[in-house]
């Protein structure tokens, strides 16, 4: 698979009044299959560049995002506009059931890339754990044709 797209992800999480932010910019792939679009990229542990996991974002129109991670911690999270889903989350030490309620999912993805904005809450045992926001942009990388 060709990693010829620049993928930027900004995450913001609010827990007990404290805000944390994470940013990731990486090369990955972006393809359309049927009515769905897929963003695929690898994440590496900050202390070990030989250990990676693959993240796959499957976007169905402008109403549903499925996040799948493979490689160590296999997770599948479903974010669907206006709905709450129960999902298995692998912490690396074991699985736990979490609830995800998506209050906003705006997709402006087209054939050449675009952006995705998501706001959602996480709950554990029906108790609010965090408020979350994701901002994802995808654009074709210039002079980049790395083969996996």
Foldseek 3Di string as FASTA:
>chain_A
DWQFKWKKKKKWKAFPNDIDIDIDIDTFDWDDDDQKIKTKDWDADPVDRVAIKIWIWIDRPQFKIWIFIDGQWTWIDIEGAQDKDWTWGGPSVGIAIKIKYWPGWGDPQDPFWAKIKTWIFIGHPPHTGITMIMIMTMGGHPPGTDDD
